[in-house]
Protein backbone atom coordinates (compact mmCIF):
# COMPACT_ATOMS: atom_id res chain seq x y z
CA MET A 1 27.99 33.41 -29.99
CA LYS A 2 31.08 31.80 -28.45
CA LYS A 3 29.03 30.51 -25.48
CA LEU A 4 26.44 29.08 -27.85
CA LEU A 5 29.14 27.29 -29.84
CA ILE A 6 30.77 25.89 -26.69
CA GLY A 7 27.38 24.73 -25.45
CA PHE A 8 26.72 22.96 -28.75
CA ILE A 9 30.15 21.33 -28.75
CA LEU A 10 29.60 20.04 -25.22
CA THR A 11 26.08 18.74 -25.88
CA PHE A 12 26.61 17.33 -29.39
CA PRO A 13 28.26 14.09 -28.15
CA ILE A 14 25.36 13.66 -25.73
CA MET A 15 22.90 14.06 -28.59
CA LEU A 16 24.75 11.40 -30.57
CA PHE A 17 25.65 8.97 -27.83
CA GLY A 18 23.70 10.21 -24.81
CA GLN A 19 20.82 7.77 -24.96
CA LYS A 20 21.08 5.60 -21.89
CA PRO A 21 19.38 2.22 -21.51
CA SER A 22 16.27 2.01 -19.35
CA VAL A 23 18.23 0.00 -16.72
CA PHE A 24 21.43 1.44 -15.27
CA SER A 25 24.13 -1.16 -15.66
CA THR A 26 27.91 -1.26 -15.55
CA LYS A 27 30.33 -3.91 -16.79
CA THR A 28 29.66 -5.70 -13.49
CA GLY A 29 25.90 -5.73 -14.13
CA ALA A 30 22.79 -4.01 -12.84
CA ILE A 31 23.33 -2.42 -9.42
CA GLN A 32 27.04 -2.99 -10.10
CA GLY A 33 26.59 -6.71 -9.49
CA TYR A 34 24.69 -6.42 -6.21
CA ASP A 35 21.68 -8.57 -5.38
CA PRO A 36 18.41 -6.57 -5.61
CA VAL A 37 16.53 -9.09 -3.45
CA ALA A 38 18.99 -8.83 -0.55
CA TYR A 39 18.01 -5.21 0.06
CA PHE A 40 14.57 -6.52 1.03
CA THR A 41 15.40 -9.85 2.68
CA LEU A 42 18.59 -8.88 4.53
CA GLY A 43 18.20 -5.11 4.75
CA LYS A 44 21.66 -4.48 3.32
CA GLU A 45 23.57 -4.45 0.07
CA VAL A 46 25.07 -7.83 -0.81
CA LYS A 47 27.32 -8.59 -3.76
CA GLY A 48 25.84 -11.19 -6.10
CA THR A 49 27.71 -14.20 -7.42
CA GLU A 50 28.96 -14.86 -10.93
CA THR A 51 26.89 -18.05 -11.15
CA ASP A 52 23.48 -16.87 -9.95
CA THR A 53 22.61 -14.41 -12.72
CA LEU A 54 19.70 -13.51 -14.95
CA VAL A 55 19.49 -11.26 -18.00
CA PHE A 56 16.37 -9.15 -17.63
CA GLN A 57 15.51 -5.92 -19.48
CA ASN A 58 18.88 -6.02 -21.28
CA ALA A 59 20.86 -6.02 -18.02
CA THR A 60 22.60 -8.80 -16.13
CA TRP A 61 21.34 -9.12 -12.58
CA HIS A 62 23.44 -10.92 -9.97
CA PHE A 63 22.10 -12.69 -6.90
CA ALA A 64 23.69 -13.93 -3.70
CA ASP A 65 22.11 -17.36 -4.17
CA GLN A 66 19.62 -19.38 -6.19
CA ALA A 67 16.80 -18.62 -3.74
CA ASN A 68 17.09 -14.88 -4.38
CA LEU A 69 17.31 -15.47 -8.13
CA ASN A 70 14.06 -17.46 -7.94
CA LEU A 71 12.34 -14.72 -5.91
CA PHE A 72 13.35 -12.17 -8.54
CA LYS A 73 12.16 -14.38 -11.41
CA THR A 74 8.78 -14.76 -9.72
CA SER A 75 8.28 -11.04 -9.17
CA PRO A 76 10.96 -8.80 -10.74
CA GLU A 77 8.86 -5.64 -10.41
CA LYS A 78 8.84 -6.17 -6.63
CA TYR A 79 12.64 -6.25 -6.35
CA MET A 80 13.93 -4.06 -9.17
CA PRO A 81 15.06 -0.61 -8.14
CA GLN A 82 12.80 2.18 -9.24
CA PHE A 83 13.71 4.23 -12.33
CA GLY A 84 15.77 1.36 -13.72
CA GLY A 85 18.32 1.76 -10.94
CA TYR A 86 19.18 5.33 -11.89
CA CYS A 87 19.46 7.91 -9.12
CA ALA A 88 16.01 8.68 -7.72
CA PHE A 89 17.06 12.20 -6.76
CA GLY A 90 18.44 12.82 -10.26
CA MET A 91 15.22 11.51 -11.74
CA SER A 92 13.28 13.99 -9.61
CA ARG A 93 15.32 16.63 -11.44
CA GLY A 94 14.59 15.04 -14.83
CA TYR A 95 17.79 13.20 -15.70
CA LYS A 96 19.43 9.77 -15.43
CA ALA A 97 22.43 9.54 -13.12
CA GLU A 98 24.47 6.55 -12.06
CA THR A 99 24.13 5.08 -8.59
CA GLN A 100 26.11 3.39 -5.86
CA PRO A 101 24.85 0.13 -4.30
CA ASN A 102 25.36 1.46 -0.75
CA ALA A 103 23.20 4.58 -1.33
CA TRP A 104 19.76 3.02 -1.09
CA THR A 105 16.40 3.37 0.62
CA ILE A 106 13.25 1.28 0.67
CA VAL A 107 10.09 3.40 0.76
CA GLU A 108 6.68 1.75 0.86
CA GLY A 109 8.13 -1.52 -0.39
CA LYS A 110 10.09 -0.01 -3.29
CA LEU A 111 13.86 0.19 -3.70
CA TYR A 112 15.37 3.57 -4.56
CA LEU A 113 19.05 4.10 -5.33
CA ASN A 114 21.01 7.33 -5.26
CA TYR A 115 24.21 8.64 -6.79
CA ASN A 116 26.01 8.41 -3.44
CA THR A 117 25.29 8.65 0.28
CA ASP A 118 25.54 12.47 0.27
CA VAL A 119 22.81 12.66 -2.38
CA ARG A 120 20.79 10.13 -0.36
CA GLN A 121 20.89 12.56 2.59
CA LYS A 122 19.36 15.25 0.36
CA TRP A 123 16.84 12.67 -0.95
CA ASN A 124 15.82 11.85 2.62
CA GLU A 125 14.79 15.46 3.25
CA ASP A 126 11.64 15.08 1.10
CA GLN A 127 11.32 11.51 -0.16
CA ALA A 128 7.60 11.79 -0.93
CA GLY A 129 8.05 14.98 -2.94
CA PHE A 130 11.07 13.66 -4.81
CA ILE A 131 9.30 10.36 -5.56
CA GLN A 132 6.31 12.21 -7.00
CA LYS A 133 8.54 14.36 -9.24
CA ALA A 134 10.68 11.37 -10.25
CA ASN A 135 7.60 9.33 -11.18
CA GLU A 136 6.39 12.18 -13.39
CA ASN A 137 9.79 12.52 -15.05
CA TRP A 138 10.44 8.80 -15.52
CA ALA A 139 7.70 8.47 -18.13
CA LYS A 140 9.47 11.11 -20.24
CA VAL A 141 13.08 10.22 -19.49
CA LYS A 142 12.91 6.41 -19.47
CA GLN A 143 13.65 5.92 -23.17
CA LYS A 144 16.10 8.83 -23.55
């Protein structure tokens, strides 16, 4: 009974406040203020500016320059990280987890972020399998 009570006490705040938005964002913005387009055009993570921003899907996206902002506006689904920027490995397990801008991978033209570079190493062991599981889970977890 004691374990059940402790479990309820630990999960009750999550039930009340645990709903996370569909896009992972911090006070510095989506992808912690990094430019989603730069992953594709430069092949690296690049911090966005305070002036080249766009609010999209209730998150503020930052871009390194106006050109990248325009590319994103034209085709946001091409540049947005999968699973709203939540950890792709976590999503394969059925939950939303925060991510780090330097823990990323592009697979078949899609950007995937991970919790950190150690998790990305695990993710790299079976990307196709994890992507399939994450895609299945995202439909259920997206609005939770």
